[in-house]
Amino acid sequence: MIALIPLLMMAAQPVVDEPQIDCTSDSLPQQHMNFCAAQDFHSADAALNTQWKITADILKSRDADYPPDDGRPGYFASLLKAQRAWLDYRDAQCQSAGFLYRGGS
């Protein structure tokens, strides 16, 4: 019975809401800027994922109009190859740009 007390105490912990931060302010401390940047990232990532699904479905439907064995890549395969190449470029570019900040700000 005593072993249940910590579990009950954890269950009674209040739920912490996200902080109320005005991300439009020009004078935010670093912790708030980090929070706002994370919010922006998650919003943009969700929008990109939604658009990717829409675009992929459109291109796959276009691919359905062509024989699958004609030896040429389809719309979707071409887009996927381009996206993967872009990701490689993006990662290399970010790594290269980061050299300027080695050792801290």
PDB file of N, CA and C in Angstrom:
ATOM      1  N   MET A   1       0.824  -1.192   0.000  1.00  0.00           N
ATOM      2  CA  MET A   1       0.000   0.000   0.000  1.00  0.00           C
ATOM      3  C   MET A   1       0.869   1.256   0.000  1.00  0.00           C
ATOM      4  N   ILE A   2       1.951   1.218   0.762  1.00  0.00           N
ATOM      5  CA  ILE A   2       2.834   2.380   0.841  1.00  0.00           C
ATOM      6  C   ILE A   2       3.477   2.634  -0.522  1.00  0.00           C
ATOM      7  N   ALA A   3       3.692   1.581  -1.287  1.00  0.00           N
ATOM      8  CA  ALA A   3       4.304   1.738  -2.604  1.00  0.00           C
ATOM      9  C   ALA A   3       3.406   2.531  -3.553  1.00  0.00           C
ATOM     10  N   LEU A   4       2.122   2.578  -3.281  1.00  0.00           N
ATOM     11  CA  LEU A   4       1.202   3.320  -4.139  1.00  0.00           C
ATOM     12  C   LEU A   4       1.229   4.822  -3.881  1.00  0.00           C
ATOM     13  N   ILE A   5       1.727   5.244  -2.730  1.00  0.00           N
ATOM     14  CA  ILE A   5       1.717   6.668  -2.382  1.00  0.00           C
ATOM     15  C   ILE A   5       2.485   7.509  -3.407  1.00  0.00           C
ATOM     16  N   PRO A   6       3.718   7.130  -3.807  1.00  0.00           N
ATOM     17  CA  PRO A   6       4.399   7.954  -4.819  1.00  0.00           C
ATOM     18  C   PRO A   6       3.630   8.032  -6.142  1.00  0.00           C
ATOM     19  N   LEU A   7       2.982   6.931  -6.524  1.00  0.00           N
ATOM     20  CA  LEU A   7       2.205   6.952  -7.755  1.00  0.00           C
ATOM     21  C   LEU A   7       1.020   7.894  -7.648  1.00  0.00           C
ATOM     22  N   LEU A   8       0.363   7.879  -6.502  1.00  0.00           N
ATOM     23  CA  LEU A   8      -0.764   8.782  -6.296  1.00  0.00           C
ATOM     24  C   LEU A   8      -0.307  10.235  -6.277  1.00  0.00           C
ATOM     25  N   MET A   9       0.863  10.485  -5.703  1.00  0.00           N
ATOM     26  CA  MET A   9       1.382  11.850  -5.655  1.00  0.00           C
ATOM     27  C   MET A   9       1.727  12.336  -7.065  1.00  0.00           C
ATOM     28  N   MET A  10       2.277  11.444  -7.894  1.00  0.00           N
ATOM     29  CA  MET A  10       2.598  11.839  -9.260  1.00  0.00           C
ATOM     30  C   MET A  10       1.326  12.124 -10.049  1.00  0.00           C
ATOM     31  N   ALA A  11       0.292  11.350  -9.816  1.00  0.00           N
ATOM     32  CA  ALA A  11      -0.969  11.555 -10.517  1.00  0.00           C
ATOM     33  C   ALA A  11      -1.627  12.863 -10.106  1.00  0.00           C
ATOM     34  N   ALA A  12      -1.343  13.336  -8.901  1.00  0.00           N
ATOM     35  CA  ALA A  12      -1.952  14.561  -8.400  1.00  0.00           C
ATOM     36  C   ALA A  12      -1.207  15.815  -8.847  1.00  0.00           C
ATOM     37  N   GLN A  13      -0.087  15.658  -9.546  1.00  0.00           N
ATOM     38  CA  GLN A  13       0.678  16.815 -10.010  1.00  0.00           C
ATOM     39  C   GLN A  13      -0.163  17.620 -11.001  1.00  0.00           C
ATOM     40  N   PRO A  14      -0.143  18.933 -10.880  1.00  0.00           N
ATOM     41  CA  PRO A  14      -0.910  19.743 -11.831  1.00  0.00           C
ATOM     42  C   PRO A  14      -0.274  19.693 -13.223  1.00  0.00           C
ATOM     43  N   VAL A  15      -1.104  19.791 -14.222  1.00  0.00           N
ATOM     44  CA  VAL A  15      -0.619  19.832 -15.595  1.00  0.00           C
ATOM     45  C   VAL A  15      -0.092  21.236 -15.856  1.00  0.00           C
ATOM     46  N   VAL A  16       1.115  21.313 -16.380  1.00  0.00           N
ATOM     47  CA  VAL A  16       1.730  22.608 -16.641  1.00  0.00           C
ATOM     48  C   VAL A  16       1.395  23.035 -18.068  1.00  0.00           C
ATOM     49  N   ASP A  17       0.774  24.195 -18.191  1.00  0.00           N
ATOM     50  CA  ASP A  17       0.468  24.738 -19.510  1.00  0.00           C
ATOM     51  C   ASP A  17       1.724  25.321 -20.134  1.00  0.00           C
ATOM     52  N   GLU A  18       1.695  25.457 -21.453  1.00  0.00           N
ATOM     53  CA  GLU A  18       2.810  26.121 -22.114  1.00  0.00           C
ATOM     54  C   GLU A  18       2.864  27.564 -21.636  1.00  0.00           C
ATOM     55  N   PRO A  19       4.061  28.106 -21.540  1.00  0.00           N
ATOM     56  CA  PRO A  19       4.177  29.485 -21.070  1.00  0.00           C
ATOM     57  C   PRO A  19       3.511  30.454 -22.044  1.00  0.00           C
ATOM     58  N   GLN A  20       2.980  31.527 -21.508  1.00  0.00           N
ATOM     59  CA  GLN A  20       2.375  32.570 -22.325  1.00  0.00           C
ATOM     60  C   GLN A  20       3.461  33.572 -22.698  1.00  0.00           C
ATOM     61  N   ILE A  21       4.000  33.432 -23.889  1.00  0.00           N
ATOM     62  CA  ILE A  21       5.098  34.276 -24.344  1.00  0.00           C
ATOM     63  C   ILE A  21       4.651  35.004 -25.604  1.00  0.00           C
ATOM     64  N   ASP A  22       4.892  36.301 -25.641  1.00  0.00           N
ATOM     65  CA  ASP A  22       4.581  37.099 -26.825  1.00  0.00           C
ATOM     66  C   ASP A  22       5.750  36.997 -27.796  1.00  0.00           C
ATOM     67  N   CYS A  23       5.636  36.094 -28.746  1.00  0.00           N
ATOM     68  CA  CYS A  23       6.735  35.848 -29.678  1.00  0.00           C
ATOM     69  C   CYS A  23       6.916  36.981 -30.684  1.00  0.00           C
ATOM     70  N   THR A  24       6.010  37.959 -30.675  1.00  0.00           N
ATOM     71  CA  THR A  24       6.164  39.096 -31.582  1.00  0.00           C
ATOM     72  C   THR A  24       6.999  40.207 -30.961  1.00  0.00           C
ATOM     73  N   SER A  25       7.348  40.052 -29.699  1.00  0.00           N
ATOM     74  CA  SER A  25       8.135  41.075 -29.012  1.00  0.00           C
ATOM     75  C   SER A  25       9.556  41.127 -29.566  1.00  0.00           C
ATOM     76  N   ASP A  26      10.107  42.333 -29.620  1.00  0.00           N
ATOM     77  CA  ASP A  26      11.479  42.509 -30.108  1.00  0.00           C
ATOM     78  C   ASP A  26      12.523  42.321 -29.018  1.00  0.00           C
ATOM     79  N   SER A  27      12.088  42.252 -27.778  1.00  0.00           N
ATOM     80  CA  SER A  27      13.063  42.129 -26.681  1.00  0.00           C
ATOM     81  C   SER A  27      12.704  40.934 -25.803  1.00  0.00           C
ATOM     82  N   LEU A  28      13.155  39.773 -26.242  1.00  0.00           N
ATOM     83  CA  LEU A  28      12.901  38.539 -25.503  1.00  0.00           C
ATOM     84  C   LEU A  28      14.208  37.984 -24.977  1.00  0.00           C
ATOM     85  N   PRO A  29      14.175  37.398 -23.777  1.00  0.00           N
ATOM     86  CA  PRO A  29      15.379  36.705 -23.304  1.00  0.00           C
ATOM     87  C   PRO A  29      15.609  35.444 -24.148  1.00  0.00           C
ATOM     88  N   GLN A  30      16.812  34.912 -24.097  1.00  0.00           N
ATOM     89  CA  GLN A  30      17.195  33.778 -24.940  1.00  0.00           C
ATOM     90  C   GLN A  30      16.258  32.588 -24.768  1.00  0.00           C
ATOM     91  N   GLN A  31      15.854  32.299 -23.547  1.00  0.00           N
ATOM     92  CA  GLN A  31      14.974  31.150 -23.307  1.00  0.00           C
ATOM     93  C   GLN A  31      13.651  31.328 -24.059  1.00  0.00           C
ATOM     94  N   HIS A  32      13.119  32.533 -24.081  1.00  0.00           N
ATOM     95  CA  HIS A  32      11.866  32.782 -24.788  1.00  0.00           C
ATOM     96  C   HIS A  32      12.074  32.730 -26.300  1.00  0.00           C
ATOM     97  N   MET A  33      13.208  33.241 -26.775  1.00  0.00           N
ATOM     98  CA  MET A  33      13.503  33.153 -28.209  1.00  0.00           C
ATOM     99  C   MET A  33      13.598  31.692 -28.640  1.00  0.00           C
ATOM    100  N   ASN A  34      14.205  30.855 -27.804  1.00  0.00           N
ATOM    101  CA  ASN A  34      14.300  29.425 -28.110  1.00  0.00           C
ATOM    102  C   ASN A  34      12.913  28.799 -28.185  1.00  0.00           C
ATOM    103  N   PHE A  35      12.046  29.165 -27.246  1.00  0.00           N
ATOM    104  CA  PHE A  35      10.679  28.646 -27.225  1.00  0.00           C
ATOM    105  C   PHE A  35       9.942  29.053 -28.499  1.00  0.00           C
ATOM    106  N   CYS A  36      10.050  30.332 -28.870  1.00  0.00           N
ATOM    107  CA  CYS A  36       9.363  30.836 -30.061  1.00  0.00           C
ATOM    108  C   CYS A  36       9.902  30.181 -31.329  1.00  0.00           C
ATOM    109  N   ALA A  37      11.210  29.987 -31.397  1.00  0.00           N
ATOM    110  CA  ALA A  37      11.808  29.326 -32.558  1.00  0.00           C
ATOM    111  C   ALA A  37      11.306  27.887 -32.665  1.00  0.00           C
ATOM    112  N   ALA A  38      11.172  27.213 -31.541  1.00  0.00           N
ATOM    113  CA  ALA A  38      10.658  25.838 -31.552  1.00  0.00           C
ATOM    114  C   ALA A  38       9.208  25.813 -32.029  1.00  0.00           C
ATOM    115  N   GLN A  39       8.413  26.785 -31.583  1.00  0.00           N
ATOM    116  CA  GLN A  39       7.019  26.875 -32.023  1.00  0.00           C
ATOM    117  C   GLN A  39       6.964  27.061 -33.545  1.00  0.00           C
ATOM    118  N   ASP A  40       7.787  27.983 -34.051  1.00  0.00           N
ATOM    119  CA  ASP A  40       7.826  28.236 -35.495  1.00  0.00           C
ATOM    120  C   ASP A  40       8.254  26.986 -36.257  1.00  0.00           C
ATOM    121  N   PHE A  41       9.262  26.289 -35.731  1.00  0.00           N
ATOM    122  CA  PHE A  41       9.747  25.074 -36.383  1.00  0.00           C
ATOM    123  C   PHE A  41       8.641  24.029 -36.482  1.00  0.00           C
ATOM    124  N   HIS A  42       7.951  23.779 -35.374  1.00  0.00           N
ATOM    125  CA  HIS A  42       6.914  22.743 -35.369  1.00  0.00           C
ATOM    126  C   HIS A  42       5.764  23.107 -36.311  1.00  0.00           C
ATOM    127  N   SER A  43       5.421  24.378 -36.362  1.00  0.00           N
ATOM    128  CA  SER A  43       4.362  24.826 -37.265  1.00  0.00           C
ATOM    129  C   SER A  43       4.777  24.640 -38.726  1.00  0.00           C
ATOM    130  N   ALA A  44       5.984  25.057 -39.055  1.00  0.00           N
ATOM    131  CA  ALA A  44       6.471  24.918 -40.432  1.00  0.00           C
ATOM    132  C   ALA A  44       6.629  23.452 -40.811  1.00  0.00           C
ATOM    133  N   ASP A  45       7.109  22.632 -39.889  1.00  0.00           N
ATOM    134  CA  ASP A  45       7.294  21.208 -40.162  1.00  0.00           C
ATOM    135  C   ASP A  45       5.956  20.537 -40.447  1.00  0.00           C
ATOM    136  N   ALA A  46       4.935  20.889 -39.675  1.00  0.00           N
ATOM    137  CA  ALA A  46       3.606  20.317 -39.898  1.00  0.00           C
ATOM    138  C   ALA A  46       3.061  20.732 -41.264  1.00  0.00           C
ATOM    139  N   ALA A  47       3.253  22.001 -41.627  1.00  0.00           N
ATOM    140  CA  ALA A  47       2.780  22.480 -42.930  1.00  0.00           C
ATOM    141  C   ALA A  47       3.512  21.768 -44.070  1.00  0.00           C
ATOM    142  N   LEU A  48       4.817  21.594 -43.931  1.00  0.00           N
ATOM    143  CA  LEU A  48       5.585  20.894 -44.965  1.00  0.00           C
ATOM    144  C   LEU A  48       5.154  19.442 -45.104  1.00  0.00           C
ATOM    145  N   ASN A  49       4.917  18.773 -43.983  1.00  0.00           N
ATOM    146  CA  ASN A  49       4.481  17.377 -44.033  1.00  0.00           C
ATOM    147  C   ASN A  49       3.115  17.246 -44.693  1.00  0.00           C
ATOM    148  N   THR A  50       2.225  18.187 -44.393  1.00  0.00           N
ATOM    149  CA  THR A  50       0.904  18.181 -45.020  1.00  0.00           C
ATOM    150  C   THR A  50       1.035  18.374 -46.526  1.00  0.00           C
ATOM    151  N   GLN A  51       1.845  19.349 -46.926  1.00  0.00           N
ATOM    152  CA  GLN A  51       2.028  19.611 -48.357  1.00  0.00           C
ATOM    153  C   GLN A  51       2.707  18.443 -49.061  1.00  0.00           C
ATOM    154  N   TRP A  52       3.655  17.804 -48.393  1.00  0.00           N
ATOM    155  CA  TRP A  52       4.335  16.649 -48.999  1.00  0.00           C
ATOM    156  C   TRP A  52       3.323  15.562 -49.338  1.00  0.00           C
ATOM    157  N   LYS A  53       2.415  15.276 -48.418  1.00  0.00           N
ATOM    158  CA  LYS A  53       1.418  14.229 -48.657  1.00  0.00           C
ATOM    159  C   LYS A  53       0.522  14.590 -49.839  1.00  0.00           C
ATOM    160  N   ILE A  54       0.115  15.857 -49.917  1.00  0.00           N
ATOM    161  CA  ILE A  54      -0.735  16.305 -51.021  1.00  0.00           C
ATOM    162  C   ILE A  54       0.011  16.161 -52.346  1.00  0.00           C
ATOM    163  N   THR A  55       1.236  16.662 -52.386  1.00  0.00           N
ATOM    164  CA  THR A  55       2.034  16.616 -53.614  1.00  0.00           C
ATOM    165  C   THR A  55       2.338  15.180 -54.023  1.00  0.00           C
ATOM    166  N   ALA A  56       2.701  14.348 -53.052  1.00  0.00           N
ATOM    167  CA  ALA A  56       3.008  12.943 -53.347  1.00  0.00           C
ATOM    168  C   ALA A  56       1.793  12.244 -53.943  1.00  0.00           C
ATOM    169  N   ASP A  57       0.619  12.491 -53.386  1.00  0.00           N
ATOM    170  CA  ASP A  57      -0.593  11.863 -53.917  1.00  0.00           C
ATOM    171  C   ASP A  57      -0.871  12.302 -55.357  1.00  0.00           C
ATOM    172  N   ILE A  58      -0.674  13.589 -55.637  1.00  0.00           N
ATOM    173  CA  ILE A  58      -0.894  14.093 -56.996  1.00  0.00           C
ATOM    174  C   ILE A  58       0.071  13.426 -57.974  1.00  0.00           C
ATOM    175  N   LEU A  59       1.350  13.375 -57.602  1.00  0.00           N
ATOM    176  CA  LEU A  59       2.340  12.795 -58.508  1.00  0.00           C
ATOM    177  C   LEU A  59       2.144  11.297 -58.682  1.00  0.00           C
ATOM    178  N   LYS A  60       1.752  10.613 -57.622  1.00  0.00           N
ATOM    179  CA  LYS A  60       1.484   9.175 -57.746  1.00  0.00           C
ATOM    180  C   LYS A  60       0.290   8.929 -58.670  1.00  0.00           C
ATOM    181  N   SER A  61      -0.699   9.807 -58.606  1.00  0.00           N
ATOM    182  CA  SER A  61      -1.851   9.630 -59.501  1.00  0.00           C
ATOM    183  C   SER A  61      -1.451   9.896 -60.954  1.00  0.00           C
ATOM    184  N   ARG A  62      -0.535  10.836 -61.174  1.00  0.00           N
ATOM    185  CA  ARG A  62      -0.029  11.065 -62.535  1.00  0.00           C
ATOM    186  C   ARG A  62       0.762   9.851 -63.021  1.00  0.00           C
ATOM    187  N   ASP A  63       1.528   9.250 -62.109  1.00  0.00           N
ATOM    188  CA  ASP A  63       2.301   8.060 -62.481  1.00  0.00           C
ATOM    189  C   ASP A  63       1.393   6.912 -62.904  1.00  0.00           C
ATOM    190  N   ALA A  64       0.191   6.864 -62.353  1.00  0.00           N
ATOM    191  CA  ALA A  64      -0.730   5.772 -62.673  1.00  0.00           C
ATOM    192  C   ALA A  64      -1.165   5.809 -64.136  1.00  0.00           C
ATOM    193  N   ASP A  65      -0.995   6.959 -64.792  1.00  0.00           N
ATOM    194  CA  ASP A  65      -1.386   7.083 -66.198  1.00  0.00           C
ATOM    195  C   ASP A  65      -0.362   6.479 -67.158  1.00  0.00           C
ATOM    196  N   TYR A  66       0.788   6.076 -66.639  1.00  0.00           N
ATOM    197  CA  TYR A  66       1.865   5.561 -67.483  1.00  0.00           C
ATOM    198  C   TYR A  66       2.187   4.124 -67.100  1.00  0.00           C
ATOM    199  N   PRO A  67       2.668   3.345 -68.050  1.00  0.00           N
ATOM    200  CA  PRO A  67       3.036   1.963 -67.718  1.00  0.00           C
ATOM    201  C   PRO A  67       4.219   1.950 -66.749  1.00  0.00           C
ATOM    202  N   PRO A  68       4.168   1.092 -65.743  1.00  0.00           N
ATOM    203  CA  PRO A  68       5.221   1.083 -64.725  1.00  0.00           C
ATOM    204  C   PRO A  68       6.544   0.507 -65.219  1.00  0.00           C
ATOM    205  N   ASP A  69       6.532  -0.156 -66.343  1.00  0.00           N
ATOM    206  CA  ASP A  69       7.741  -0.845 -66.805  1.00  0.00           C
ATOM    207  C   ASP A  69       8.348  -0.215 -68.056  1.00  0.00           C
ATOM    208  N   ASP A  70       8.181   1.101 -68.234  1.00  0.00           N
ATOM    209  CA  ASP A  70       8.730   1.717 -69.442  1.00  0.00           C
ATOM    210  C   ASP A  70      10.196   2.126 -69.279  1.00  0.00           C
ATOM    211  N   GLY A  71      10.786   1.832 -68.131  1.00  0.00           N
ATOM    212  CA  GLY A  71      12.204   2.079 -67.915  1.00  0.00           C
ATOM    213  C   GLY A  71      12.562   3.500 -67.521  1.00  0.00           C
ATOM    214  N   ARG A  72      11.582   4.360 -67.400  1.00  0.00           N
ATOM    215  CA  ARG A  72      11.854   5.747 -67.024  1.00  0.00           C
ATOM    216  C   ARG A  72      11.291   6.016 -65.633  1.00  0.00           C
ATOM    217  N   PRO A  73      11.954   6.893 -64.872  1.00  0.00           N
ATOM    218  CA  PRO A  73      11.411   7.206 -63.547  1.00  0.00           C
ATOM    219  C   PRO A  73      10.109   7.995 -63.679  1.00  0.00           C
ATOM    220  N   GLY A  74       9.258   7.813 -62.716  1.00  0.00           N
ATOM    221  CA  GLY A  74       7.987   8.522 -62.725  1.00  0.00           C
ATOM    222  C   GLY A  74       8.080   9.866 -62.021  1.00  0.00           C
ATOM    223  N   TYR A  75       6.949  10.531 -61.964  1.00  0.00           N
ATOM    224  CA  TYR A  75       6.885  11.827 -61.294  1.00  0.00           C
ATOM    225  C   TYR A  75       7.322  11.713 -59.833  1.00  0.00           C
ATOM    226  N   PHE A  76       6.712  10.761 -59.124  1.00  0.00           N
ATOM    227  CA  PHE A  76       6.997  10.660 -57.694  1.00  0.00           C
ATOM    228  C   PHE A  76       8.438  10.243 -57.436  1.00  0.00           C
ATOM    229  N   ALA A  77       8.942   9.269 -58.175  1.00  0.00           N
ATOM    230  CA  ALA A  77      10.327   8.818 -57.982  1.00  0.00           C
ATOM    231  C   ALA A  77      11.304   9.962 -58.234  1.00  0.00           C
ATOM    232  N   SER A  78      11.010  10.787 -59.228  1.00  0.00           N
ATOM    233  CA  SER A  78      11.883  11.926 -59.527  1.00  0.00           C
ATOM    234  C   SER A  78      11.850  12.953 -58.407  1.00  0.00           C
ATOM    235  N   LEU A  79      10.658  13.229 -57.894  1.00  0.00           N
ATOM    236  CA  LEU A  79      10.546  14.167 -56.776  1.00  0.00           C
ATOM    237  C   LEU A  79      11.273  13.630 -55.551  1.00  0.00           C
ATOM    238  N   LEU A  80      11.097  12.359 -55.259  1.00  0.00           N
ATOM    239  CA  LEU A  80      11.741  11.761 -54.093  1.00  0.00           C
ATOM    240  C   LEU A  80      13.262  11.831 -54.217  1.00  0.00           C
ATOM    241  N   LYS A  81      13.785  11.558 -55.393  1.00  0.00           N
ATOM    242  CA  LYS A  81      15.228  11.647 -55.623  1.00  0.00           C
ATOM    243  C   LYS A  81      15.713  13.084 -55.412  1.00  0.00           C
ATOM    244  N   ALA A  82      14.961  14.042 -55.921  1.00  0.00           N
ATOM    245  CA  ALA A  82      15.334  15.452 -55.759  1.00  0.00           C
ATOM    246  C   ALA A  82      15.284  15.874 -54.293  1.00  0.00           C
ATOM    247  N   GLN A  83      14.280  15.426 -53.575  1.00  0.00           N
ATOM    248  CA  GLN A  83      14.162  15.774 -52.157  1.00  0.00           C
ATOM    249  C   GLN A  83      15.327  15.202 -51.357  1.00  0.00           C
ATOM    250  N   ARG A  84      15.689  13.971 -51.650  1.00  0.00           N
ATOM    251  CA  ARG A  84      16.817  13.359 -50.937  1.00  0.00           C
ATOM    252  C   ARG A  84      18.118  14.092 -51.243  1.00  0.00           C
ATOM    253  N   ALA A  85      18.296  14.507 -52.487  1.00  0.00           N
ATOM    254  CA  ALA A  85      19.494  15.276 -52.852  1.00  0.00           C
ATOM    255  C   ALA A  85      19.496  16.621 -52.130  1.00  0.00           C
ATOM    256  N   TRP A  86      18.318  17.242 -52.023  1.00  0.00           N
ATOM    257  CA  TRP A  86      18.231  18.526 -51.332  1.00  0.00           C
ATOM    258  C   TRP A  86      18.574  18.359 -49.856  1.00  0.00           C
ATOM    259  N   LEU A  87      18.110  17.282 -49.243  1.00  0.00           N
ATOM    260  CA  LEU A  87      18.420  17.048 -47.828  1.00  0.00           C
ATOM    261  C   LEU A  87      19.921  16.895 -47.619  1.00  0.00           C
ATOM    262  N   ASP A  88      20.582  16.186 -48.520  1.00  0.00           N
ATOM    263  CA  ASP A  88      22.043  16.059 -48.431  1.00  0.00           C
ATOM    264  C   ASP A  88      22.707  17.426 -48.545  1.00  0.00           C
ATOM    265  N   TYR A  89      22.245  18.232 -49.503  1.00  0.00           N
ATOM    266  CA  TYR A  89      22.793  19.580 -49.674  1.00  0.00           C
ATOM    267  C   TYR A  89      22.546  20.423 -48.424  1.00  0.00           C
ATOM    268  N   ARG A  90      21.320  20.393 -47.928  1.00  0.00           N
ATOM    269  CA  ARG A  90      20.969  21.187 -46.746  1.00  0.00           C
ATOM    270  C   ARG A  90      21.852  20.838 -45.563  1.00  0.00           C
ATOM    271  N   ASP A  91      22.023  19.555 -45.304  1.00  0.00           N
ATOM    272  CA  ASP A  91      22.835  19.128 -44.169  1.00  0.00           C
ATOM    273  C   ASP A  91      24.289  19.567 -44.324  1.00  0.00           C
ATOM    274  N   ALA A  92      24.833  19.424 -45.534  1.00  0.00           N
ATOM    275  CA  ALA A  92      26.220  19.831 -45.771  1.00  0.00           C
ATOM    276  C   ALA A  92      26.375  21.342 -45.650  1.00  0.00           C
ATOM    277  N   GLN A  93      25.410  22.099 -46.153  1.00  0.00           N
ATOM    278  CA  GLN A  93      25.465  23.558 -46.073  1.00  0.00           C
ATOM    279  C   GLN A  93      25.379  24.022 -44.619  1.00  0.00           C
ATOM    280  N   CYS A  94      24.486  23.425 -43.848  1.00  0.00           N
ATOM    281  CA  CYS A  94      24.367  23.796 -42.428  1.00  0.00           C
ATOM    282  C   CYS A  94      25.651  23.470 -41.673  1.00  0.00           C
ATOM    283  N   GLN A  95      26.228  22.327 -41.964  1.00  0.00           N
ATOM    284  CA  GLN A  95      27.484  21.958 -41.317  1.00  0.00           C
ATOM    285  C   GLN A  95      28.573  22.963 -41.671  1.00  0.00           C
ATOM    286  N   SER A  96      28.653  23.332 -42.927  1.00  0.00           N
ATOM    287  CA  SER A  96      29.657  24.292 -43.372  1.00  0.00           C
ATOM    288  C   SER A  96      29.448  25.656 -42.723  1.00  0.00           C
ATOM    289  N   ALA A  97      28.222  26.113 -42.666  1.00  0.00           N
ATOM    290  CA  ALA A  97      27.934  27.413 -42.056  1.00  0.00           C
ATOM    291  C   ALA A  97      28.218  27.392 -40.560  1.00  0.00           C
ATOM    292  N   GLY A  98      28.089  26.241 -39.945  1.00  0.00           N
ATOM    293  CA  GLY A  98      28.318  26.126 -38.509  1.00  0.00           C
ATOM    294  C   GLY A  98      29.765  26.260 -38.093  1.00  0.00           C
ATOM    295  N   PHE A  99      30.696  26.085 -39.028  1.00  0.00           N
ATOM    296  CA  PHE A  99      32.115  26.201 -38.681  1.00  0.00           C
ATOM    297  C   PHE A  99      32.444  27.580 -38.125  1.00  0.00           C
ATOM    298  N   LEU A 100      31.749  28.587 -38.585  1.00  0.00           N
ATOM    299  CA  LEU A 100      31.983  29.953 -38.129  1.00  0.00           C
ATOM    300  C   LEU A 100      31.741  30.096 -36.626  1.00  0.00           C
ATOM    301  N   TYR A 101      30.861  29.257 -36.085  1.00  0.00           N
ATOM    302  CA  TYR A 101      30.467  29.394 -34.684  1.00  0.00           C
ATOM    303  C   TYR A 101      31.075  28.332 -33.779  1.00  0.00           C
ATOM    304  N   ARG A 102      32.072  27.631 -34.254  1.00  0.00           N
ATOM    305  CA  ARG A 102      32.732  26.641 -33.400  1.00  0.00           C
ATOM    306  C   ARG A 102      33.324  27.335 -32.193  1.00  0.00           C
ATOM    307  N   GLY A 103      33.147  26.730 -31.058  1.00  0.00           N
ATOM    308  CA  GLY A 103      33.703  27.296 -29.836  1.00  0.00           C
ATOM    309  C   GLY A 103      32.759  28.248 -29.123  1.00  0.00           C
ATOM    310  N   GLY A 104      31.572  28.443 -29.650  1.00  0.00           N
ATOM    311  CA  GLY A 104      30.597  29.308 -28.985  1.00  0.00           C
ATOM    312  C   GLY A 104      30.324  30.565 -29.771  1.00  0.00           C
ATOM    313  N   SER A 105      29.422  31.349 -29.232  1.00  0.00           N
ATOM    314  CA  SER A 105      29.007  32.562 -29.936  1.00  0.00           C
ATOM    315  C   SER A 105      30.024  33.652 -29.721  1.00  0.00           C
TER     316      SER A 105
END
